[in-house]
Amino acid sequence: MLEWYRTDADYLDILEDTKSLFRYTAQQISGTAQLSYQGYRVDLDSDWYQASLSKIYKQYAGWDPVQQFDADRFDLDLVEKIQPSLPKNRRV
């Protein structure tokens, strides 16, 4: 886990920082921006899929935690429904 803060930055700036960090790390380790993850090839130079929390929860768990938050259900659905359903060959 890594956490950092940056002044005068919004979440989109932090997202770009994160993408750059992943690309740089992959490049340093393997000499390319491509990784192998659980048998899938992931190209970190390709477009990154972006979706809101609401969209992901509605799609995979059938409810919107932004509209009606339930802490117990949020964690349970994340582990049991959302994470197993996310595509393995895309950064979601």
PDB file of N, CA and C in Angstrom:
ATOM      1  N   MET A   1       0.845  -1.168   0.000  1.00  0.00           N
ATOM      2  CA  MET A   1       0.000   0.000   0.000  1.00  0.00           C
ATOM      3  C   MET A   1       0.889   1.229   0.000  1.00  0.00           C
ATOM      4  N   LEU A   2       0.475   2.207  -0.749  1.00  0.00           N
ATOM      5  CA  LEU A   2       1.209   3.457  -0.842  1.00  0.00           C
ATOM      6  C   LEU A   2       0.220   4.601  -0.732  1.00  0.00           C
ATOM      7  N   GLU A   3       0.570   5.578   0.042  1.00  0.00           N
ATOM      8  CA  GLU A   3      -0.299   6.741   0.188  1.00  0.00           C
ATOM      9  C   GLU A   3       0.570   7.985   0.119  1.00  0.00           C
ATOM     10  N   TRP A   4       0.109   8.975  -0.617  1.00  0.00           N
ATOM     11  CA  TRP A   4       0.811  10.250  -0.641  1.00  0.00           C
ATOM     12  C   TRP A   4      -0.167  11.368  -0.909  1.00  0.00           C
ATOM     13  N   TYR A   5       0.301  12.573  -0.648  1.00  0.00           N
ATOM     14  CA  TYR A   5      -0.526  13.762  -0.839  1.00  0.00           C
ATOM     15  C   TYR A   5       0.263  14.761  -1.671  1.00  0.00           C
ATOM     16  N   ARG A   6      -0.461  15.591  -2.366  1.00  0.00           N
ATOM     17  CA  ARG A   6       0.191  16.600  -3.197  1.00  0.00           C
ATOM     18  C   ARG A   6      -0.628  17.877  -3.116  1.00  0.00           C
ATOM     19  N   THR A   7       0.027  18.966  -2.828  1.00  0.00           N
ATOM     20  CA  THR A   7      -0.694  20.232  -2.761  1.00  0.00           C
ATOM     21  C   THR A   7      -1.097  20.681  -4.156  1.00  0.00           C
ATOM     22  N   ASP A   8      -2.154  21.414  -4.210  1.00  0.00           N
ATOM     23  CA  ASP A   8      -2.653  21.969  -5.475  1.00  0.00           C
ATOM     24  C   ASP A   8      -2.912  20.898  -6.539  1.00  0.00           C
ATOM     25  N   ALA A   9      -3.382  19.746  -6.094  1.00  0.00           N
ATOM     26  CA  ALA A   9      -3.686  18.656  -7.024  1.00  0.00           C
ATOM     27  C   ALA A   9      -5.090  18.132  -6.732  1.00  0.00           C
ATOM     28  N   ASP A  10      -5.818  17.804  -7.791  1.00  0.00           N
ATOM     29  CA  ASP A  10      -7.117  17.166  -7.600  1.00  0.00           C
ATOM     30  C   ASP A  10      -6.977  15.670  -7.862  1.00  0.00           C
ATOM     31  N   TYR A  11      -8.079  14.957  -7.812  1.00  0.00           N
ATOM     32  CA  TYR A  11      -8.008  13.504  -7.962  1.00  0.00           C
ATOM     33  C   TYR A  11      -7.518  13.096  -9.345  1.00  0.00           C
ATOM     34  N   LEU A  12      -7.751  13.909 -10.353  1.00  0.00           N
ATOM     35  CA  LEU A  12      -7.266  13.583 -11.698  1.00  0.00           C
ATOM     36  C   LEU A  12      -5.739  13.697 -11.769  1.00  0.00           C
ATOM     37  N   ASP A  13      -5.186  14.677 -11.083  1.00  0.00           N
ATOM     38  CA  ASP A  13      -3.727  14.795 -11.020  1.00  0.00           C
ATOM     39  C   ASP A  13      -3.121  13.587 -10.310  1.00  0.00           C
ATOM     40  N   ILE A  14      -3.750  13.182  -9.211  1.00  0.00           N
ATOM     41  CA  ILE A  14      -3.263  12.016  -8.469  1.00  0.00           C
ATOM     42  C   ILE A  14      -3.394  10.750  -9.314  1.00  0.00           C
ATOM     43  N   LEU A  15      -4.458  10.662 -10.089  1.00  0.00           N
ATOM     44  CA  LEU A  15      -4.627   9.525 -10.999  1.00  0.00           C
ATOM     45  C   LEU A  15      -3.480   9.477 -12.001  1.00  0.00           C
ATOM     46  N   GLU A  16      -3.113  10.613 -12.566  1.00  0.00           N
ATOM     47  CA  GLU A  16      -1.986  10.658 -13.506  1.00  0.00           C
ATOM     48  C   GLU A  16      -0.678  10.291 -12.814  1.00  0.00           C
ATOM     49  N   ASP A  17      -0.493  10.757 -11.573  1.00  0.00           N
ATOM     50  CA  ASP A  17       0.686  10.362 -10.797  1.00  0.00           C
ATOM     51  C   ASP A  17       0.754   8.847 -10.653  1.00  0.00           C
ATOM     52  N   THR A  18      -0.384   8.252 -10.336  1.00  0.00           N
ATOM     53  CA  THR A  18      -0.452   6.802 -10.132  1.00  0.00           C
ATOM     54  C   THR A  18      -0.123   6.051 -11.416  1.00  0.00           C
ATOM     55  N   LYS A  19      -0.693   6.480 -12.520  1.00  0.00           N
ATOM     56  CA  LYS A  19      -0.394   5.855 -13.813  1.00  0.00           C
ATOM     57  C   LYS A  19       1.103   5.941 -14.119  1.00  0.00           C
ATOM     58  N   SER A  20       1.667   7.115 -13.901  1.00  0.00           N
ATOM     59  CA  SER A  20       3.096   7.312 -14.162  1.00  0.00           C
ATOM     60  C   SER A  20       3.947   6.415 -13.274  1.00  0.00           C
ATOM     61  N   LEU A  21       3.562   6.282 -12.016  1.00  0.00           N
ATOM     62  CA  LEU A  21       4.296   5.427 -11.086  1.00  0.00           C
ATOM     63  C   LEU A  21       4.264   3.963 -11.545  1.00  0.00           C
ATOM     64  N   PHE A  22       3.093   3.489 -11.953  1.00  0.00           N
ATOM     65  CA  PHE A  22       2.979   2.110 -12.431  1.00  0.00           C
ATOM     66  C   PHE A  22       3.804   1.901 -13.698  1.00  0.00           C
ATOM     67  N   ARG A  23       3.713   2.830 -14.634  1.00  0.00           N
ATOM     68  CA  ARG A  23       4.481   2.708 -15.882  1.00  0.00           C
ATOM     69  C   ARG A  23       5.980   2.706 -15.597  1.00  0.00           C
ATOM     70  N   TYR A  24       6.414   3.641 -14.774  1.00  0.00           N
ATOM     71  CA  TYR A  24       7.832   3.746 -14.440  1.00  0.00           C
ATOM     72  C   TYR A  24       8.326   2.459 -13.773  1.00  0.00           C
ATOM     73  N   THR A  25       7.570   1.966 -12.810  1.00  0.00           N
ATOM     74  CA  THR A  25       7.965   0.752 -12.087  1.00  0.00           C
ATOM     75  C   THR A  25       8.059  -0.436 -13.037  1.00  0.00           C
ATOM     76  N   ALA A  26       7.061  -0.608 -13.888  1.00  0.00           N
ATOM     77  CA  ALA A  26       7.088  -1.706 -14.862  1.00  0.00           C
ATOM     78  C   ALA A  26       8.289  -1.584 -15.786  1.00  0.00           C
ATOM     79  N   GLN A  27       8.555  -0.376 -16.240  1.00  0.00           N
ATOM     80  CA  GLN A  27       9.683  -0.127 -17.145  1.00  0.00           C
ATOM     81  C   GLN A  27      11.008  -0.487 -16.459  1.00  0.00           C
ATOM     82  N   GLN A  28      11.152  -0.130 -15.202  1.00  0.00           N
ATOM     83  CA  GLN A  28      12.381  -0.417 -14.463  1.00  0.00           C
ATOM     84  C   GLN A  28      12.555  -1.912 -14.201  1.00  0.00           C
ATOM     85  N   ILE A  29      11.454  -2.600 -13.967  1.00  0.00           N
ATOM     86  CA  ILE A  29      11.526  -4.030 -13.655  1.00  0.00           C
ATOM     87  C   ILE A  29      11.720  -4.876 -14.907  1.00  0.00           C
ATOM     88  N   SER A  30      10.925  -4.583 -15.929  1.00  0.00           N
ATOM     89  CA  SER A  30      10.919  -5.475 -17.095  1.00  0.00           C
ATOM     90  C   SER A  30      11.390  -4.829 -18.392  1.00  0.00           C
ATOM     91  N   GLY A  31      11.666  -3.546 -18.356  1.00  0.00           N
ATOM     92  CA  GLY A  31      12.109  -2.865 -19.572  1.00  0.00           C
ATOM     93  C   GLY A  31      10.981  -2.508 -20.520  1.00  0.00           C
ATOM     94  N   THR A  32       9.753  -2.710 -20.093  1.00  0.00           N
ATOM     95  CA  THR A  32       8.581  -2.407 -20.909  1.00  0.00           C
ATOM     96  C   THR A  32       7.430  -1.973 -20.006  1.00  0.00           C
ATOM     97  N   ALA A  33       6.438  -1.345 -20.601  1.00  0.00           N
ATOM     98  CA  ALA A  33       5.264  -0.920 -19.829  1.00  0.00           C
ATOM     99  C   ALA A  33       4.181  -1.995 -19.840  1.00  0.00           C
ATOM    100  N   GLN A  34       4.570  -3.204 -20.136  1.00  0.00           N
ATOM    101  CA  GLN A  34       3.622  -4.315 -20.119  1.00  0.00           C
ATOM    102  C   GLN A  34       3.947  -5.238 -18.951  1.00  0.00           C
ATOM    103  N   LEU A  35       2.872  -5.713 -18.315  1.00  0.00           N
ATOM    104  CA  LEU A  35       3.009  -6.630 -17.192  1.00  0.00           C
ATOM    105  C   LEU A  35       2.208  -7.891 -17.452  1.00  0.00           C
ATOM    106  N   SER A  36       2.592  -8.933 -16.774  1.00  0.00           N
ATOM    107  CA  SER A  36       1.809 -10.160 -16.765  1.00  0.00           C
ATOM    108  C   SER A  36       1.151 -10.244 -15.405  1.00  0.00           C
ATOM    109  N   TYR A  37      -0.166 -10.443 -15.385  1.00  0.00           N
ATOM    110  CA  TYR A  37      -0.890 -10.541 -14.118  1.00  0.00           C
ATOM    111  C   TYR A  37      -1.880 -11.682 -14.213  1.00  0.00           C
ATOM    112  N   GLN A  38      -1.678 -12.699 -13.394  1.00  0.00           N
ATOM    113  CA  GLN A  38      -2.542 -13.878 -13.355  1.00  0.00           C
ATOM    114  C   GLN A  38      -2.798 -14.428 -14.748  1.00  0.00           C
ATOM    115  N   GLY A  39      -1.754 -14.503 -15.542  1.00  0.00           N
ATOM    116  CA  GLY A  39      -1.860 -15.067 -16.883  1.00  0.00           C
ATOM    117  C   GLY A  39      -2.342 -14.104 -17.949  1.00  0.00           C
ATOM    118  N   TYR A  40      -2.619 -12.870 -17.589  1.00  0.00           N
ATOM    119  CA  TYR A  40      -3.080 -11.862 -18.541  1.00  0.00           C
ATOM    120  C   TYR A  40      -1.968 -10.860 -18.801  1.00  0.00           C
ATOM    121  N   ARG A  41      -1.903 -10.367 -20.023  1.00  0.00           N
ATOM    122  CA  ARG A  41      -0.958  -9.320 -20.392  1.00  0.00           C
ATOM    123  C   ARG A  41      -1.653  -7.974 -20.233  1.00  0.00           C
ATOM    124  N   VAL A  42      -1.044  -7.075 -19.509  1.00  0.00           N
ATOM    125  CA  VAL A  42      -1.612  -5.752 -19.264  1.00  0.00           C
ATOM    126  C   VAL A  42      -0.646  -4.703 -19.803  1.00  0.00           C
ATOM    127  N   ASP A  43      -1.121  -3.884 -20.722  1.00  0.00           N
ATOM    128  CA  ASP A  43      -0.312  -2.820 -21.307  1.00  0.00           C
ATOM    129  C   ASP A  43      -0.626  -1.517 -20.582  1.00  0.00           C
ATOM    130  N   LEU A  44       0.318  -1.050 -19.808  1.00  0.00           N
ATOM    131  CA  LEU A  44       0.108   0.155 -19.011  1.00  0.00           C
ATOM    132  C   LEU A  44       0.167   1.437 -19.841  1.00  0.00           C
ATOM    133  N   ASP A  45       0.590   1.328 -21.090  1.00  0.00           N
ATOM    134  CA  ASP A  45       0.587   2.489 -21.981  1.00  0.00           C
ATOM    135  C   ASP A  45      -0.748   2.679 -22.691  1.00  0.00           C
ATOM    136  N   SER A  46      -1.606   1.677 -22.656  1.00  0.00           N
ATOM    137  CA  SER A  46      -2.913   1.801 -23.311  1.00  0.00           C
ATOM    138  C   SER A  46      -3.846   2.656 -22.447  1.00  0.00           C
ATOM    139  N   ASP A  47      -4.999   2.997 -22.984  1.00  0.00           N
ATOM    140  CA  ASP A  47      -5.963   3.793 -22.230  1.00  0.00           C
ATOM    141  C   ASP A  47      -6.407   3.030 -20.988  1.00  0.00           C
ATOM    142  N   TRP A  48      -6.580   3.753 -19.910  1.00  0.00           N
ATOM    143  CA  TRP A  48      -7.021   3.172 -18.646  1.00  0.00           C
ATOM    144  C   TRP A  48      -8.521   3.368 -18.518  1.00  0.00           C
ATOM    145  N   TYR A  49      -9.211   2.315 -18.189  1.00  0.00           N
ATOM    146  CA  TYR A  49     -10.649   2.382 -17.958  1.00  0.00           C
ATOM    147  C   TYR A  49     -10.899   3.148 -16.665  1.00  0.00           C
ATOM    148  N   GLN A  50     -11.852   4.065 -16.713  1.00  0.00           N
ATOM    149  CA  GLN A  50     -12.224   4.815 -15.515  1.00  0.00           C
ATOM    150  C   GLN A  50     -13.731   4.717 -15.317  1.00  0.00           C
ATOM    151  N   ALA A  51     -14.114   4.488 -14.080  1.00  0.00           N
ATOM    152  CA  ALA A  51     -15.538   4.408 -13.752  1.00  0.00           C
ATOM    153  C   ALA A  51     -15.730   4.924 -12.331  1.00  0.00           C
ATOM    154  N   SER A  52     -16.869   5.486 -12.099  1.00  0.00           N
ATOM    155  CA  SER A  52     -17.170   5.985 -10.759  1.00  0.00           C
ATOM    156  C   SER A  52     -17.494   4.822  -9.822  1.00  0.00           C
ATOM    157  N   LEU A  53     -17.395   5.096  -8.549  1.00  0.00           N
ATOM    158  CA  LEU A  53     -17.775   4.122  -7.536  1.00  0.00           C
ATOM    159  C   LEU A  53     -19.228   3.701  -7.732  1.00  0.00           C
ATOM    160  N   SER A  54     -20.091   4.675  -7.997  1.00  0.00           N
ATOM    161  CA  SER A  54     -21.511   4.372  -8.230  1.00  0.00           C
ATOM    162  C   SER A  54     -21.684   3.399  -9.387  1.00  0.00           C
ATOM    163  N   LYS A  55     -20.993   3.657 -10.489  1.00  0.00           N
ATOM    164  CA  LYS A  55     -21.135   2.806 -11.675  1.00  0.00           C
ATOM    165  C   LYS A  55     -20.684   1.370 -11.393  1.00  0.00           C
ATOM    166  N   ILE A  56     -19.544   1.227 -10.753  1.00  0.00           N
ATOM    167  CA  ILE A  56     -19.009  -0.111 -10.466  1.00  0.00           C
ATOM    168  C   ILE A  56     -19.934  -0.880  -9.520  1.00  0.00           C
ATOM    169  N   TYR A  57     -20.397  -0.234  -8.473  1.00  0.00           N
ATOM    170  CA  TYR A  57     -21.290  -0.910  -7.519  1.00  0.00           C
ATOM    171  C   TYR A  57     -22.635  -1.235  -8.156  1.00  0.00           C
ATOM    172  N   LYS A  58     -23.165  -0.329  -8.952  1.00  0.00           N
ATOM    173  CA  LYS A  58     -24.437  -0.622  -9.629  1.00  0.00           C
ATOM    174  C   LYS A  58     -24.276  -1.805 -10.575  1.00  0.00           C
ATOM    175  N   GLN A  59     -23.181  -1.822 -11.319  1.00  0.00           N
ATOM    176  CA  GLN A  59     -22.966  -2.874 -12.314  1.00  0.00           C
ATOM    177  C   GLN A  59     -22.760  -4.247 -11.683  1.00  0.00           C
ATOM    178  N   TYR A  60     -21.937  -4.324 -10.653  1.00  0.00           N
ATOM    179  CA  TYR A  60     -21.561  -5.626 -10.116  1.00  0.00           C
ATOM    180  C   TYR A  60     -22.284  -6.026  -8.830  1.00  0.00           C
ATOM    181  N   ALA A  61     -22.805  -5.042  -8.081  1.00  0.00           N
ATOM    182  CA  ALA A  61     -23.458  -5.368  -6.810  1.00  0.00           C
ATOM    183  C   ALA A  61     -24.939  -4.993  -6.791  1.00  0.00           C
ATOM    184  N   GLY A  62     -25.381  -4.209  -7.780  1.00  0.00           N
ATOM    185  CA  GLY A  62     -26.796  -3.893  -7.903  1.00  0.00           C
ATOM    186  C   GLY A  62     -27.300  -2.781  -6.994  1.00  0.00           C
ATOM    187  N   TRP A  63     -26.407  -1.970  -6.452  1.00  0.00           N
ATOM    188  CA  TRP A  63     -26.844  -0.848  -5.608  1.00  0.00           C
ATOM    189  C   TRP A  63     -25.808   0.268  -5.681  1.00  0.00           C
ATOM    190  N   ASP A  64     -26.192   1.447  -5.213  1.00  0.00           N
ATOM    191  CA  ASP A  64     -25.341   2.628  -5.294  1.00  0.00           C
ATOM    192  C   ASP A  64     -24.979   3.109  -3.893  1.00  0.00           C
ATOM    193  N   PRO A  65     -23.727   2.884  -3.461  1.00  0.00           N
ATOM    194  CA  PRO A  65     -23.339   3.310  -2.124  1.00  0.00           C
ATOM    195  C   PRO A  65     -23.247   4.823  -1.960  1.00  0.00           C
ATOM    196  N   VAL A  66     -23.178   5.550  -3.052  1.00  0.00           N
ATOM    197  CA  VAL A  66     -23.145   7.008  -2.958  1.00  0.00           C
ATOM    198  C   VAL A  66     -24.525   7.529  -2.562  1.00  0.00           C
ATOM    199  N   GLN A  67     -25.567   6.889  -3.072  1.00  0.00           N
ATOM    200  CA  GLN A  67     -26.934   7.302  -2.758  1.00  0.00           C
ATOM    201  C   GLN A  67     -27.401   6.800  -1.391  1.00  0.00           C
ATOM    202  N   GLN A  68     -26.982   5.570  -1.042  1.00  0.00           N
ATOM    203  CA  GLN A  68     -27.447   4.979   0.216  1.00  0.00           C
ATOM    204  C   GLN A  68     -26.336   4.104   0.787  1.00  0.00           C
ATOM    205  N   PHE A  69     -25.470   4.705   1.588  1.00  0.00           N
ATOM    206  CA  PHE A  69     -24.284   4.002   2.073  1.00  0.00           C
ATOM    207  C   PHE A  69     -24.616   3.025   3.195  1.00  0.00           C
ATOM    208  N   ASP A  70     -24.030   1.838   3.089  1.00  0.00           N
ATOM    209  CA  ASP A  70     -24.146   0.803   4.111  1.00  0.00           C
ATOM    210  C   ASP A  70     -22.744   0.210   4.267  1.00  0.00           C
ATOM    211  N   ALA A  71     -22.056   0.558   5.346  1.00  0.00           N
ATOM    212  CA  ALA A  71     -20.652   0.174   5.527  1.00  0.00           C
ATOM    213  C   ALA A  71     -20.443  -1.335   5.495  1.00  0.00           C
ATOM    214  N   ASP A  72     -21.306  -2.102   6.142  1.00  0.00           N
ATOM    215  CA  ASP A  72     -21.150  -3.560   6.157  1.00  0.00           C
ATOM    216  C   ASP A  72     -21.339  -4.140   4.758  1.00  0.00           C
ATOM    217  N   ARG A  73     -22.349  -3.707   4.076  1.00  0.00           N
ATOM    218  CA  ARG A  73     -22.632  -4.205   2.731  1.00  0.00           C
ATOM    219  C   ARG A  73     -21.553  -3.756   1.743  1.00  0.00           C
ATOM    220  N   PHE A  74     -21.053  -2.541   1.918  1.00  0.00           N
ATOM    221  CA  PHE A  74     -20.020  -2.005   1.037  1.00  0.00           C
ATOM    222  C   PHE A  74     -18.808  -2.926   1.001  1.00  0.00           C
ATOM    223  N   ASP A  75     -18.277  -3.251   2.175  1.00  0.00           N
ATOM    224  CA  ASP A  75     -17.090  -4.103   2.257  1.00  0.00           C
ATOM    225  C   ASP A  75     -17.368  -5.517   1.761  1.00  0.00           C
ATOM    226  N   LEU A  76     -18.478  -6.080   2.153  1.00  0.00           N
ATOM    227  CA  LEU A  76     -18.834  -7.433   1.753  1.00  0.00           C
ATOM    228  C   LEU A  76     -18.992  -7.540   0.239  1.00  0.00           C
ATOM    229  N   ASP A  77     -19.720  -6.595  -0.347  1.00  0.00           N
ATOM    230  CA  ASP A  77     -19.913  -6.624  -1.798  1.00  0.00           C
ATOM    231  C   ASP A  77     -18.615  -6.380  -2.556  1.00  0.00           C
ATOM    232  N   LEU A  78     -17.748  -5.537  -1.997  1.00  0.00           N
ATOM    233  CA  LEU A  78     -16.463  -5.296  -2.640  1.00  0.00           C
ATOM    234  C   LEU A  78     -15.674  -6.591  -2.768  1.00  0.00           C
ATOM    235  N   VAL A  79     -15.617  -7.359  -1.685  1.00  0.00           N
ATOM    236  CA  VAL A  79     -14.835  -8.595  -1.657  1.00  0.00           C
ATOM    237  C   VAL A  79     -15.519  -9.731  -2.411  1.00  0.00           C
ATOM    238  N   GLU A  80     -16.828  -9.884  -2.229  1.00  0.00           N
ATOM    239  CA  GLU A  80     -17.523 -11.050  -2.781  1.00  0.00           C
ATOM    240  C   GLU A  80     -18.062 -10.853  -4.188  1.00  0.00           C
ATOM    241  N   LYS A  81     -18.409  -9.636  -4.569  1.00  0.00           N
ATOM    242  CA  LYS A  81     -19.048  -9.414  -5.865  1.00  0.00           C
ATOM    243  C   LYS A  81     -18.201  -8.613  -6.848  1.00  0.00           C
ATOM    244  N   ILE A  82     -17.608  -7.531  -6.365  1.00  0.00           N
ATOM    245  CA  ILE A  82     -16.950  -6.604  -7.282  1.00  0.00           C
ATOM    246  C   ILE A  82     -15.561  -7.083  -7.681  1.00  0.00           C
ATOM    247  N   GLN A  83     -14.692  -7.318  -6.724  1.00  0.00           N
ATOM    248  CA  GLN A  83     -13.330  -7.722  -7.064  1.00  0.00           C
ATOM    249  C   GLN A  83     -13.282  -8.977  -7.940  1.00  0.00           C
ATOM    250  N   PRO A  84     -14.062 -10.012  -7.659  1.00  0.00           N
ATOM    251  CA  PRO A  84     -14.017 -11.192  -8.527  1.00  0.00           C
ATOM    252  C   PRO A  84     -14.571 -10.933  -9.936  1.00  0.00           C
ATOM    253  N   SER A  85     -15.385  -9.907 -10.101  1.00  0.00           N
ATOM    254  CA  SER A  85     -16.022  -9.643 -11.383  1.00  0.00           C
ATOM    255  C   SER A  85     -15.228  -8.708 -12.290  1.00  0.00           C
ATOM    256  N   LEU A  86     -14.282  -7.993 -11.741  1.00  0.00           N
ATOM    257  CA  LEU A  86     -13.527  -7.034 -12.540  1.00  0.00           C
ATOM    258  C   LEU A  86     -12.662  -7.754 -13.564  1.00  0.00           C
ATOM    259  N   PRO A  87     -12.546  -7.187 -14.757  1.00  0.00           N
ATOM    260  CA  PRO A  87     -11.709  -7.804 -15.787  1.00  0.00           C
ATOM    261  C   PRO A  87     -10.261  -7.877 -15.327  1.00  0.00           C
ATOM    262  N   LYS A  88      -9.594  -8.971 -15.609  1.00  0.00           N
ATOM    263  CA  LYS A  88      -8.212  -9.168 -15.175  1.00  0.00           C
ATOM    264  C   LYS A  88      -7.204  -8.535 -16.128  1.00  0.00           C
ATOM    265  N   ASN A  89      -7.621  -8.275 -17.351  1.00  0.00           N
ATOM    266  CA  ASN A  89      -6.660  -7.758 -18.331  1.00  0.00           C
ATOM    267  C   ASN A  89      -6.790  -6.251 -18.536  1.00  0.00           C
ATOM    268  N   ARG A  90      -7.551  -5.582 -17.669  1.00  0.00           N
ATOM    269  CA  ARG A  90      -7.688  -4.119 -17.726  1.00  0.00           C
ATOM    270  C   ARG A  90      -7.445  -3.551 -16.349  1.00  0.00           C
ATOM    271  N   ARG A  91      -6.961  -2.317 -16.328  1.00  0.00           N
ATOM    272  CA  ARG A  91      -6.826  -1.614 -15.064  1.00  0.00           C
ATOM    273  C   ARG A  91      -8.143  -0.931 -14.803  1.00  0.00           C
ATOM    274  N   VAL A  92      -8.861  -1.425 -13.805  1.00  0.00           N
ATOM    275  CA  VAL A  92     -10.179  -0.846 -13.503  1.00  0.00           C
ATOM    276  C   VAL A  92     -10.108  -0.112 -12.187  1.00  0.00           C
TER     277      VAL A  92
END
